[in-house]
């Protein structure tokens, strides 16, 4: 970490401690290394003897191979690497692959985890437990208004560490909590302190007096993102549900600063007319390859074709789209148009944020729909109950497809494909080691099949970001998780009280 970064962090933590009475970043070498029987490798090391799935067709896959890391970068991927003086990570019985990429996660909402396990996006007037509480009323227009900068910091930090523990080495943080410059600085500092690769999404806040969205993007860029080469980068949020003048300014400023522009696109939230206008080029803005649209549910065929032709990207949060009534995840439409999504977790208020949940949900949803299409081509009684798919029937998703969505595509959609997403010599070493000897996986018969169909976060044994080992032998390093959990619980208690919502472990399910 540079001296400038250290000074910024100390300044922020000093300001936070003045309000909260304690440092929110609670780390201690003893806590970080507890239970660690061997020091983590650093500098130059070989990951030896694992089943290597590179996700790069030019590099290939190996039943047994080694990965050489020097500093931040991957130097070689092949069997039998012999390098004098290099430390060794024993990867026998492990799957070695790129870290996962989440292209849309509202990390600031961690204190409300599982609060909306039944919740819809908004109230549908039914009076059901799914309509009340709901996401728009109780999170965006409720809890979010009560956040202080120190709440933003601990929520963002804890969410990032949790995903790092699950093998997600890169995230787009959609932090719609920019009520003030202090809230923004807290979010950025937390992403940097987490120590994983991240794209900081500068989105709107609640519009209170003193809020400076979107103009504060220039200050944030100058203060925090003087280099495009650092672990945490910046993207611009330009939400289409905002006033047209507001999102036009946001897109314009983002492009002036050379940032990617990210927007939600949800037909059930009334965004279709605005996206139609953008896609047709009549709104004064152009859609281009620097755009990432989230969800893209309920959009017109014409707009889909315009988005594809413009080279824009789409992130799908399949579990959330299915559960919260965003609309059917448009995987079939994307495949019809020759497009591929990246995958994202969206909100932990409602669903887990691990990559295994995302991959399995996408695969199961698409195959359910296509399988029924095929069955409907036959008859309900013999002999034609198992028909051959008719010409033009969509192909079924495979485990290789969803693995690509969760790694390669995610990196490309965030503009980070040159740095991460594959195990390619010259790229930075964002690597996970997954335990294939575990009770839920052994015996190993298919590497991609095991990762997608059997594994969960307990199989994530080692996590490396830019060459630095962050999780080692099943333990996350460099964080006092017990103390951080207490800080998060204190934030939760404050937010419930400030919002006036009764805290009850059984009332909202």
Protein backbone atom coordinates (compact mmCIF):
# COMPACT_ATOMS: atom_id res chain seq x y z
CA UNK A 1 0.00 0.00 0.00
CA UNK A 2 1.37 3.45 -0.89
CA UNK A 3 2.08 6.15 1.71
CA UNK A 4 -0.72 8.21 0.16
CA UNK A 5 -3.20 5.34 0.62
CA UNK A 6 -2.07 4.78 4.21
CA UNK A 7 -2.53 8.47 5.02
CA UNK A 8 -6.02 8.49 3.46
CA UNK A 9 -7.04 5.43 5.46
CA UNK A 10 -5.74 6.85 8.74
CA UNK A 11 -7.56 10.14 8.11
CA UNK A 12 -10.81 8.32 7.41
CA UNK A 13 -10.50 5.99 10.40
CA UNK A 14 -9.69 8.89 12.71
CA UNK A 15 -12.86 10.66 11.57
CA UNK A 16 -14.92 7.48 11.96
CA UNK A 17 -13.55 6.78 15.43
CA UNK A 18 -14.55 10.27 16.52
CA UNK A 19 -18.15 9.35 15.75
CA UNK A 20 -18.24 5.65 16.56
CA UNK A 21 -15.73 5.65 19.41
CA UNK A 22 -13.59 2.89 17.90
CA UNK A 23 -11.62 1.99 14.82
CA UNK A 24 -13.83 0.19 12.35
CA UNK A 25 -10.93 -1.62 10.71
CA UNK A 26 -10.00 -4.06 13.46
CA UNK A 27 -7.06 -6.20 12.45
CA UNK A 28 -4.42 -7.91 14.52
CA UNK A 29 -1.62 -10.25 13.42
CA UNK A 30 -2.61 -12.73 16.12
CA UNK A 31 -6.22 -12.88 14.97
CA UNK A 32 -5.26 -12.98 11.32
CA UNK A 33 -2.87 -15.91 11.75
CA UNK A 34 -4.89 -17.85 14.34
CA UNK A 35 -4.96 -21.53 13.42
CA UNK A 36 -2.47 -21.02 10.62
CA UNK A 37 0.15 -23.77 10.84
CA UNK A 38 2.33 -22.45 8.04
CA UNK A 39 3.05 -18.95 6.71
CA UNK A 40 1.40 -18.01 3.45
CA UNK A 41 3.65 -17.94 0.40
CA UNK A 42 4.61 -14.57 -1.03
CA UNK A 43 6.73 -13.10 -3.80
CA UNK A 44 7.57 -16.07 -5.99
CA UNK A 45 5.76 -19.36 -5.62
CA UNK A 46 4.45 -22.37 -7.54
CA UNK A 47 0.94 -23.73 -7.11
CA UNK A 48 1.83 -27.36 -7.72
CA UNK A 49 -0.05 -30.47 -8.76
CA UNK A 50 -3.64 -29.24 -9.02
CA UNK A 51 -6.30 -29.84 -11.65
CA UNK A 52 -5.94 -26.55 -13.51
CA UNK A 53 -8.91 -25.00 -15.33
CA UNK A 54 -7.47 -21.86 -16.93
CA UNK A 55 -10.67 -20.60 -18.67
CA UNK A 56 -8.35 -19.48 -21.48
CA UNK A 57 -8.66 -21.67 -24.62
CA UNK A 58 -5.11 -20.78 -25.62
CA UNK A 59 -3.72 -22.01 -22.30
CA UNK A 60 -6.00 -25.01 -21.92
CA UNK A 61 -6.91 -27.23 -19.00
CA UNK A 62 -4.75 -29.84 -17.26
CA UNK A 63 -5.60 -32.79 -15.05
CA UNK A 64 -2.32 -32.10 -13.26
CA UNK A 65 -0.28 -28.92 -13.73
CA UNK A 66 1.46 -26.05 -11.98
CA UNK A 67 0.98 -22.28 -11.91
CA UNK A 68 4.01 -20.04 -11.37
CA UNK A 69 3.34 -16.67 -9.73
CA UNK A 70 5.91 -13.90 -9.39
CA UNK A 71 4.84 -10.75 -7.56
CA UNK A 72 1.38 -9.84 -8.79
CA UNK A 73 1.44 -11.82 -12.02
CA UNK A 74 1.03 -15.29 -13.45
CA UNK A 75 4.25 -16.27 -15.22
CA UNK A 76 3.51 -19.79 -16.45
CA UNK A 77 0.77 -22.43 -16.49
CA UNK A 78 1.92 -25.93 -17.46
CA UNK A 79 2.88 -29.30 -16.03
CA UNK A 80 6.25 -29.76 -14.39
CA UNK A 81 7.35 -26.21 -13.62
CA UNK A 82 10.71 -26.28 -11.84
CA UNK A 83 11.97 -22.99 -10.44
CA UNK A 84 14.78 -22.75 -7.94
CA UNK A 85 14.07 -20.88 -4.75
CA UNK A 86 10.30 -20.62 -5.25
CA UNK A 87 7.93 -21.49 -2.45
CA UNK A 88 5.36 -24.19 -3.12
CA UNK A 89 1.62 -24.39 -2.55
CA UNK A 90 0.60 -28.03 -2.59
CA UNK A 91 -2.52 -28.16 -4.79
CA UNK A 92 -2.91 -31.93 -5.02
CA UNK A 93 -6.59 -32.79 -4.74
CA UNK A 94 -7.49 -29.18 -5.50
CA UNK A 95 -9.04 -27.42 -8.48
CA UNK A 96 -7.06 -24.35 -9.48
CA UNK A 97 -9.01 -21.73 -11.44
CA UNK A 98 -9.51 -17.96 -11.82
CA UNK A 99 -11.25 -16.07 -9.03
CA UNK A 100 -14.94 -15.40 -9.58
CA UNK A 101 -16.29 -12.01 -10.69
CA UNK A 102 -19.56 -10.47 -9.42
CA UNK A 103 -20.73 -7.62 -11.66
CA UNK A 104 -23.40 -6.14 -9.38
CA UNK A 105 -23.53 -6.27 -5.58
CA UNK A 106 -25.14 -3.70 -3.25
CA UNK A 107 -22.56 -4.19 -0.51
CA UNK A 108 -23.83 -1.40 1.74
CA UNK A 109 -26.94 -3.44 2.60
CA UNK A 110 -25.11 -6.18 4.54
CA UNK A 111 -26.71 -5.19 7.87
CA UNK A 112 -30.10 -6.13 6.39
CA UNK A 113 -29.07 -9.63 5.32
CA UNK A 114 -32.08 -12.01 4.99
CA UNK A 115 -34.47 -9.27 6.15
CA UNK A 116 -36.34 -9.63 2.82
CA UNK A 117 -36.12 -13.38 2.32
CA UNK A 118 -39.75 -13.21 1.07
CA UNK A 119 -39.62 -9.66 -0.23
CA UNK A 120 -40.63 -8.39 -3.65
CA UNK A 121 -39.02 -5.44 -5.38
CA UNK A 122 -41.96 -3.23 -4.40
CA UNK A 123 -45.43 -3.45 -2.87
CA UNK A 124 -47.93 -5.14 -5.18
CA UNK A 125 -50.94 -4.29 -3.01
CA UNK A 126 -51.60 -7.91 -2.08
CA UNK A 127 -51.02 -7.45 1.63
CA UNK A 128 -48.91 -10.62 1.63
CA UNK A 129 -45.60 -11.17 3.50
CA UNK A 130 -43.89 -10.71 0.14
CA UNK A 131 -45.39 -7.27 -0.40
CA UNK A 132 -44.60 -5.95 3.09
CA UNK A 133 -41.78 -5.43 3.83
CA UNK A 134 -40.38 -4.84 0.34
CA UNK A 135 -37.12 -3.66 -1.15
CA UNK A 136 -37.94 -0.18 -2.45
CA UNK A 137 -39.89 1.00 0.57
CA UNK A 138 -37.94 -0.62 3.37
CA UNK A 139 -34.36 -0.63 2.07
CA UNK A 140 -33.84 2.13 -0.51
CA UNK A 141 -36.37 4.56 0.99
CA UNK A 142 -36.08 3.24 4.53
CA UNK A 143 -32.88 1.89 6.05
CA UNK A 144 -30.66 3.56 3.45
CA UNK A 145 -31.64 7.05 4.61
CA UNK A 146 -30.34 6.30 8.11
CA UNK A 147 -26.82 5.29 7.08
CA UNK A 148 -23.92 7.26 8.51
CA UNK A 149 -20.47 7.09 6.86
CA UNK A 150 -19.30 4.60 9.50
CA UNK A 151 -22.28 2.35 8.67
CA UNK A 152 -21.33 2.47 5.01
CA UNK A 153 -17.76 1.52 5.87
CA UNK A 154 -18.44 -1.54 8.04
CA UNK A 155 -21.20 -2.85 5.75
CA UNK A 156 -19.02 -2.53 2.66
CA UNK A 157 -15.98 -4.04 4.37
CA UNK A 158 -17.82 -7.03 5.84
CA UNK A 159 -19.57 -7.81 2.54
CA UNK A 160 -16.27 -7.68 0.68
CA UNK A 161 -14.51 -9.98 3.13
CA UNK A 162 -17.42 -12.41 3.00
CA UNK A 163 -17.28 -12.64 -0.77
CA UNK A 164 -13.50 -12.89 -0.72
CA UNK A 165 -13.91 -15.88 1.59
CA UNK A 166 -16.26 -17.41 -1.03
CA UNK A 167 -13.73 -17.01 -3.86
CA UNK A 168 -15.08 -13.80 -5.43
CA UNK A 169 -11.90 -11.89 -6.18
CA UNK A 170 -13.54 -9.06 -8.18
CA UNK A 171 -16.78 -7.12 -7.61
CA UNK A 172 -18.73 -4.18 -8.99
CA UNK A 173 -20.03 -2.46 -5.87
CA UNK A 174 -23.33 -0.74 -6.72
CA UNK A 175 -23.33 1.53 -3.69
CA UNK A 176 -26.50 3.63 -3.94
CA UNK A 177 -25.63 5.30 -0.65
CA UNK A 178 -23.90 8.50 -1.73
CA UNK A 179 -25.78 10.89 0.53
CA UNK A 180 -22.65 13.02 0.97
CA UNK A 181 -18.97 13.08 0.00
CA UNK A 182 -18.23 11.48 3.38
CA UNK A 183 -20.48 8.52 2.54
CA UNK A 184 -18.68 8.14 -0.78
CA UNK A 185 -15.24 8.24 0.81
CA UNK A 186 -16.29 5.62 3.35
CA UNK A 187 -17.40 3.27 0.57
CA UNK A 188 -14.17 3.66 -1.39
CA UNK A 189 -12.01 3.23 1.69
CA UNK A 190 -13.80 0.02 2.62
CA UNK A 191 -13.26 -1.43 -0.85
CA UNK A 192 -9.56 -0.62 -0.64
CA UNK A 193 -9.22 -2.03 2.87
CA UNK A 194 -10.92 -5.28 1.82
CA UNK A 195 -7.91 -6.04 -0.37
CA UNK A 196 -9.68 -7.52 -3.37
CA UNK A 197 -10.20 -6.25 -6.88
CA UNK A 198 -13.24 -3.99 -7.12
CA UNK A 199 -14.98 -1.50 -9.34
CA UNK A 200 -16.41 1.27 -7.16
CA UNK A 201 -19.81 2.24 -8.56
CA UNK A 202 -20.60 5.90 -7.93
CA UNK A 203 -24.40 5.95 -7.90
CA UNK A 204 -26.93 8.33 -6.40
CA UNK A 205 -27.90 8.76 -2.74
CA UNK A 206 -31.11 10.11 -1.26
CA UNK A 207 -30.64 13.62 -2.66
CA UNK A 208 -30.36 15.35 0.72
CA UNK A 209 -28.88 18.82 1.06
CA UNK A 210 -25.13 18.47 0.74
CA UNK A 211 -25.30 15.52 -1.63
CA UNK A 212 -23.12 16.19 -4.67
CA UNK A 213 -24.04 13.39 -7.08
CA UNK A 214 -23.11 13.27 -9.91
CA UNK A 215 -20.67 16.21 -9.87
CA UNK A 216 -18.64 14.79 -6.98
CA UNK A 217 -17.38 12.12 -9.39
CA UNK A 218 -14.59 14.50 -10.39
CA UNK A 219 -13.37 14.91 -6.80
CA UNK A 220 -13.62 11.17 -6.14
CA UNK A 221 -11.69 10.39 -9.30
CA UNK A 222 -8.93 12.86 -8.41
CA UNK A 223 -8.65 11.82 -4.78
CA UNK A 224 -8.97 8.05 -4.96
CA UNK A 225 -8.33 6.95 -8.55
CA UNK A 226 -5.29 8.83 -9.78
CA UNK A 227 -4.14 5.60 -11.45
CA UNK A 228 -6.16 3.23 -13.62
CA UNK A 229 -3.70 0.50 -12.64
CA UNK A 230 -4.74 0.06 -9.03
CA UNK A 231 -6.70 -2.80 -7.47
CA UNK A 232 -9.85 -0.67 -7.02
CA UNK A 233 -11.12 1.23 -10.06
CA UNK A 234 -14.19 3.41 -10.67
CA UNK A 235 -17.35 3.23 -12.75
CA UNK A 236 -20.19 5.75 -13.08
CA UNK A 237 -23.75 4.96 -12.11
CA UNK A 238 -26.38 6.54 -14.34
CA UNK A 239 -29.78 5.22 -13.30
CA UNK A 240 -32.63 5.54 -15.80
CA UNK A 241 -35.27 5.80 -13.08
CA UNK A 242 -33.82 9.18 -12.06
CA UNK A 243 -34.82 12.48 -13.56
CA UNK A 244 -33.66 12.58 -17.18
CA UNK A 245 -31.52 15.67 -16.57
CA UNK A 246 -29.83 13.86 -13.68
CA UNK A 247 -28.92 10.68 -15.52
CA UNK A 248 -27.86 12.66 -18.59
CA UNK A 249 -25.40 14.61 -16.42
CA UNK A 250 -24.17 11.41 -14.84
CA UNK A 251 -23.52 9.69 -18.18
CA UNK A 252 -21.81 12.82 -19.55
CA UNK A 253 -19.53 13.25 -16.54
CA UNK A 254 -18.70 9.54 -16.50
CA UNK A 255 -17.60 9.63 -20.09
CA UNK A 256 -15.63 12.84 -19.59
CA UNK A 257 -13.70 10.96 -16.90
CA UNK A 258 -13.23 7.88 -19.08
CA UNK A 259 -15.41 5.68 -16.84
CA UNK A 260 -17.74 2.83 -17.76
CA UNK A 261 -21.42 3.72 -17.27
CA UNK A 262 -23.70 1.29 -15.41
CA UNK A 263 -27.50 1.36 -15.17
CA UNK A 264 -30.28 -0.89 -13.94
CA UNK A 265 -32.82 -1.80 -16.64
CA UNK A 266 -35.97 -3.31 -15.13
CA UNK A 267 -39.23 -3.30 -17.06
CA UNK A 268 -41.33 -3.95 -13.95
CA UNK A 269 -39.83 -0.81 -12.39
CA UNK A 270 -40.95 1.33 -15.33
CA UNK A 271 -37.58 1.73 -17.03
CA UNK A 272 -38.49 0.39 -20.47
CA UNK A 273 -39.46 3.76 -22.08
CA UNK A 274 -36.19 5.40 -21.00
CA UNK A 275 -34.08 2.53 -22.34
CA UNK A 276 -36.08 2.44 -25.57
CA UNK A 277 -35.32 6.13 -26.04
CA UNK A 278 -31.63 5.63 -25.34
CA UNK A 279 -31.37 2.67 -27.67
CA UNK A 280 -33.04 4.60 -30.48
CA UNK A 281 -30.60 7.47 -30.03
CA UNK A 282 -33.30 10.06 -29.38
CA UNK A 283 -32.45 10.82 -25.76
CA UNK A 284 -29.30 12.82 -26.39
CA UNK A 285 -27.08 9.98 -25.20
CA UNK A 286 -25.56 7.06 -27.04
CA UNK A 287 -25.30 3.45 -25.93
CA UNK A 288 -21.85 1.95 -26.44
CA UNK A 289 -19.41 -0.74 -25.38
CA UNK A 290 -18.71 1.22 -22.18
CA UNK A 291 -22.26 0.50 -20.95
CA UNK A 292 -23.26 -2.28 -18.56
CA UNK A 293 -26.99 -2.81 -18.05
CA UNK A 294 -28.23 -4.77 -15.04
CA UNK A 295 -31.16 -7.23 -15.36
CA UNK A 296 -32.58 -6.11 -18.77
CA UNK A 297 -35.93 -7.68 -17.90
CA UNK A 298 -39.06 -6.72 -19.84
CA UNK A 299 -37.28 -4.90 -22.68
CA UNK A 300 -38.43 -4.73 -26.31
CA UNK A 301 -36.88 -6.83 -29.06
CA UNK A 302 -35.86 -3.68 -30.92
CA UNK A 303 -34.03 -2.32 -27.88
CA UNK A 304 -32.29 -5.63 -27.32
CA UNK A 305 -30.95 -5.55 -30.88
CA UNK A 306 -29.76 -1.96 -30.46
CA UNK A 307 -27.98 -2.84 -27.22
CA UNK A 308 -26.28 -5.81 -28.87
CA UNK A 309 -25.25 -3.84 -31.94
CA UNK A 310 -23.81 -1.10 -29.73
CA UNK A 311 -21.57 -3.64 -27.99
CA UNK A 312 -23.08 -2.99 -24.55
CA UNK A 313 -22.96 -5.64 -21.83
CA UNK A 314 -25.59 -7.19 -19.54
CA UNK A 315 -25.31 -8.48 -15.97
CA UNK A 316 -27.95 -10.98 -14.81
CA UNK A 317 -28.79 -11.53 -11.14
CA UNK A 318 -30.83 -14.67 -11.82
CA UNK A 319 -31.84 -15.67 -8.26
CA UNK A 320 -33.02 -12.15 -7.43
CA UNK A 321 -34.80 -11.64 -10.76
CA UNK A 322 -36.77 -14.84 -10.21
CA UNK A 323 -37.59 -14.23 -6.55
CA UNK A 324 -38.26 -10.47 -6.44
CA UNK A 325 -40.40 -10.20 -9.61
CA UNK A 326 -38.02 -8.25 -11.80
CA UNK A 327 -39.16 -10.48 -14.66
CA UNK A 328 -37.87 -13.68 -16.23
CA UNK A 329 -34.06 -13.57 -16.55
CA UNK A 330 -33.50 -12.97 -20.29
CA UNK A 331 -30.96 -15.73 -20.87
CA UNK A 332 -32.86 -17.14 -23.86
CA UNK A 333 -33.06 -13.71 -25.49
CA UNK A 334 -29.33 -13.17 -25.04
CA UNK A 335 -28.44 -16.53 -26.56
CA UNK A 336 -30.82 -15.88 -29.45
CA UNK A 337 -28.93 -12.64 -30.16
CA UNK A 338 -25.49 -14.21 -29.75
CA UNK A 339 -24.85 -12.37 -26.47
CA UNK A 340 -23.55 -13.68 -23.16
CA UNK A 341 -24.15 -12.24 -19.68
CA UNK A 342 -22.00 -11.87 -16.64
CA UNK A 343 -23.46 -12.95 -13.30
CA UNK A 344 -24.21 -10.90 -10.21
CA UNK A 345 -25.55 -11.37 -6.70
CA UNK A 346 -27.47 -8.09 -6.32
CA UNK A 347 -28.83 -7.98 -2.75
CA UNK A 348 -28.08 -10.07 0.32
CA UNK A 349 -31.31 -8.81 1.82
CA UNK A 350 -32.87 -11.67 -0.16
CA UNK A 351 -30.31 -14.20 -1.42
CA UNK A 352 -26.76 -15.45 -0.86
CA UNK A 353 -23.93 -13.68 -2.67
CA UNK A 354 -21.69 -16.66 -3.46
CA UNK A 355 -20.77 -17.65 -7.05
CA UNK A 356 -22.02 -21.23 -6.70
CA UNK A 357 -25.57 -20.04 -6.04
CA UNK A 358 -25.38 -17.74 -9.06
CA UNK A 359 -24.06 -20.37 -11.47
CA UNK A 360 -26.48 -23.08 -10.42
CA UNK A 361 -29.45 -20.72 -10.53
CA UNK A 362 -28.64 -19.55 -14.06
CA UNK A 363 -28.14 -23.07 -15.32
CA UNK A 364 -31.24 -24.52 -13.64
CA UNK A 365 -33.51 -21.67 -14.75
CA UNK A 366 -32.46 -21.82 -18.41
CA UNK A 367 -32.61 -25.60 -18.61
CA UNK A 368 -36.03 -25.69 -16.93
CA UNK A 369 -37.47 -23.39 -19.59
CA UNK A 370 -35.79 -25.11 -22.54
CA UNK A 371 -36.57 -28.62 -21.28
CA UNK A 372 -40.25 -27.74 -21.04
CA UNK A 373 -40.15 -26.30 -24.56
CA UNK A 374 -38.81 -29.63 -25.79
CA UNK A 375 -41.35 -31.70 -23.85
CA UNK A 376 -44.16 -29.54 -25.22
CA UNK A 377 -43.07 -30.56 -28.73
CA UNK A 378 -44.12 -34.12 -27.92
CA UNK A 379 -47.26 -35.73 -26.55
CA UNK A 380 -48.28 -36.36 -22.94
CA UNK A 381 -48.79 -40.06 -23.64
CA UNK A 382 -46.50 -42.65 -25.32
CA UNK A 383 -44.86 -43.16 -27.69
CA UNK A 384 -43.75 -39.56 -28.29
CA UNK A 385 -43.19 -38.43 -24.69
CA UNK A 386 -39.43 -37.86 -25.24
CA UNK A 387 -39.20 -35.92 -28.51
CA UNK A 388 -36.05 -34.93 -30.35
CA UNK A 389 -35.77 -31.13 -30.07
CA UNK A 390 -37.16 -29.37 -33.12
CA UNK A 391 -34.89 -27.26 -35.30
CA UNK A 392 -34.41 -23.84 -33.75
CA UNK A 393 -34.89 -25.01 -30.16
CA UNK A 394 -32.42 -23.19 -27.87
CA UNK A 395 -29.37 -25.14 -26.77
CA UNK A 396 -29.19 -26.10 -23.11
CA UNK A 397 -26.72 -24.24 -20.94
CA UNK A 398 -23.69 -26.25 -19.81
CA UNK A 399 -21.46 -26.00 -16.77
CA UNK A 400 -18.74 -24.54 -19.01
CA UNK A 401 -21.13 -21.78 -20.07
CA UNK A 402 -21.96 -20.60 -16.56
CA UNK A 403 -18.32 -20.85 -15.48
CA UNK A 404 -17.45 -18.53 -18.35
CA UNK A 405 -20.20 -16.13 -17.30
CA UNK A 406 -18.85 -16.09 -13.73
CA UNK A 407 -15.20 -15.46 -14.62
CA UNK A 408 -14.21 -14.41 -18.15
CA UNK A 409 -17.37 -12.44 -18.95
CA UNK A 410 -17.43 -10.66 -15.61
CA UNK A 411 -13.89 -9.40 -16.08
CA UNK A 412 -14.58 -8.28 -19.65
CA UNK A 413 -17.79 -6.46 -18.69
CA UNK A 414 -15.94 -4.42 -16.06
CA UNK A 415 -13.15 -3.53 -18.47
CA UNK A 416 -10.72 -5.77 -16.56
CA UNK A 417 -10.29 -8.59 -19.05
CA UNK A 418 -6.64 -7.68 -19.60
CA UNK A 419 -5.92 -8.17 -15.89
CA UNK A 420 -8.09 -11.00 -14.60
CA UNK A 421 -10.77 -13.57 -15.48
CA UNK A 422 -8.44 -16.32 -16.77
CA UNK A 423 -5.23 -18.03 -15.72
CA UNK A 424 -3.14 -16.52 -18.49
CA UNK A 425 0.58 -15.73 -18.24
CA UNK A 426 0.96 -11.97 -17.98
CA UNK A 427 -2.36 -11.43 -16.20
CA UNK A 428 -2.54 -10.68 -12.51
CA UNK A 429 -2.76 -13.69 -10.22
CA UNK A 430 -6.41 -13.76 -9.09
CA UNK A 431 -6.66 -17.46 -8.27
CA UNK A 432 -8.80 -19.77 -6.15
CA UNK A 433 -8.01 -23.29 -4.95
CA UNK A 434 -11.10 -25.44 -4.42
CA UNK A 435 -10.98 -28.60 -2.31
CA UNK A 436 -12.06 -31.56 -4.45
CA UNK A 437 -11.28 -34.10 -1.72
CA UNK A 438 -14.08 -32.80 0.48
CA UNK A 439 -17.04 -34.92 1.53
CA UNK A 440 -19.45 -33.12 -0.81
CA UNK A 441 -17.25 -33.56 -3.92
CA UNK A 442 -15.06 -36.70 -3.81
CA UNK A 443 -14.43 -38.63 -5.98
CA UNK A 444 -13.59 -36.07 -8.64
CA UNK A 445 -14.94 -37.09 -12.06
CA UNK A 446 -15.37 -33.72 -13.80
CA UNK A 447 -13.61 -30.50 -12.87
CA UNK A 448 -16.17 -28.04 -14.34
CA UNK A 449 -19.00 -30.32 -13.28
CA UNK A 450 -17.82 -30.49 -9.68
CA UNK A 451 -17.40 -26.71 -9.38
CA UNK A 452 -20.88 -25.89 -10.70
CA UNK A 453 -23.01 -28.81 -9.59
CA UNK A 454 -21.51 -29.83 -6.24
CA UNK A 455 -19.38 -27.16 -4.62
CA UNK A 456 -20.21 -24.36 -2.19
CA UNK A 457 -18.22 -21.77 -0.28
CA UNK A 458 -16.86 -24.40 2.15
CA UNK A 459 -14.78 -25.82 -0.72
CA UNK A 460 -12.93 -22.51 -1.19
CA UNK A 461 -9.62 -23.29 0.50
CA UNK A 462 -7.19 -20.65 -0.79
CA UNK A 463 -7.88 -17.25 -2.39
CA UNK A 464 -5.21 -15.13 -4.08
CA UNK A 465 -5.67 -11.55 -5.32
CA UNK A 466 -2.96 -9.94 -7.46
CA UNK A 467 -0.49 -12.52 -6.17
CA UNK A 468 -1.27 -11.95 -2.48
CA UNK A 469 -2.71 -14.87 -0.53
CA UNK A 470 -5.82 -13.59 1.24
CA UNK A 471 -7.38 -16.89 2.33
CA UNK A 472 -5.03 -19.67 3.33
CA UNK A 473 -5.89 -23.25 4.22
CA UNK A 474 -9.51 -22.37 4.81
CA UNK A 475 -8.94 -19.22 6.88
CA UNK A 476 -9.37 -15.63 5.77
CA UNK A 477 -6.29 -13.59 6.66
CA UNK A 478 -5.66 -9.98 7.70
CA UNK A 479 -8.99 -9.38 9.45
CA UNK A 480 -10.28 -9.77 13.00
CA UNK A 481 -13.64 -11.17 11.91
CA UNK A 482 -15.05 -11.40 15.42
CA UNK A 483 -14.56 -7.74 16.08
CA UNK A 484 -15.81 -6.76 12.64
CA UNK A 485 -18.95 -8.83 13.17
CA UNK A 486 -19.65 -6.97 16.42
CA UNK A 487 -19.22 -3.67 14.57
CA UNK A 488 -21.66 -4.83 11.89
CA UNK A 489 -24.18 -5.90 14.53
CA UNK A 490 -23.88 -2.50 16.18
CA UNK A 491 -24.53 -0.87 12.81
CA UNK A 492 -27.58 -3.10 12.28
CA UNK A 493 -28.97 -2.19 15.70
CA UNK A 494 -28.49 1.52 15.02
CA UNK A 495 -30.12 1.32 11.58
CA UNK A 496 -33.19 -0.54 12.84
CA UNK A 497 -33.60 1.98 15.65
CA UNK A 498 -33.00 5.02 13.46
CA UNK A 499 -35.47 3.80 10.84
CA UNK A 500 -38.01 2.85 13.49
CA UNK A 501 -38.23 -0.79 12.42
CA UNK A 502 -38.70 -3.34 15.19
CA UNK A 503 -35.92 -5.90 15.27
CA UNK A 504 -37.51 -9.34 15.50
CA UNK A 505 -35.81 -12.56 14.38
CA UNK A 506 -39.13 -14.15 13.34
CA UNK A 507 -41.43 -11.30 12.32
CA UNK A 508 -40.48 -10.81 8.68
CA UNK A 509 -40.56 -14.37 7.38
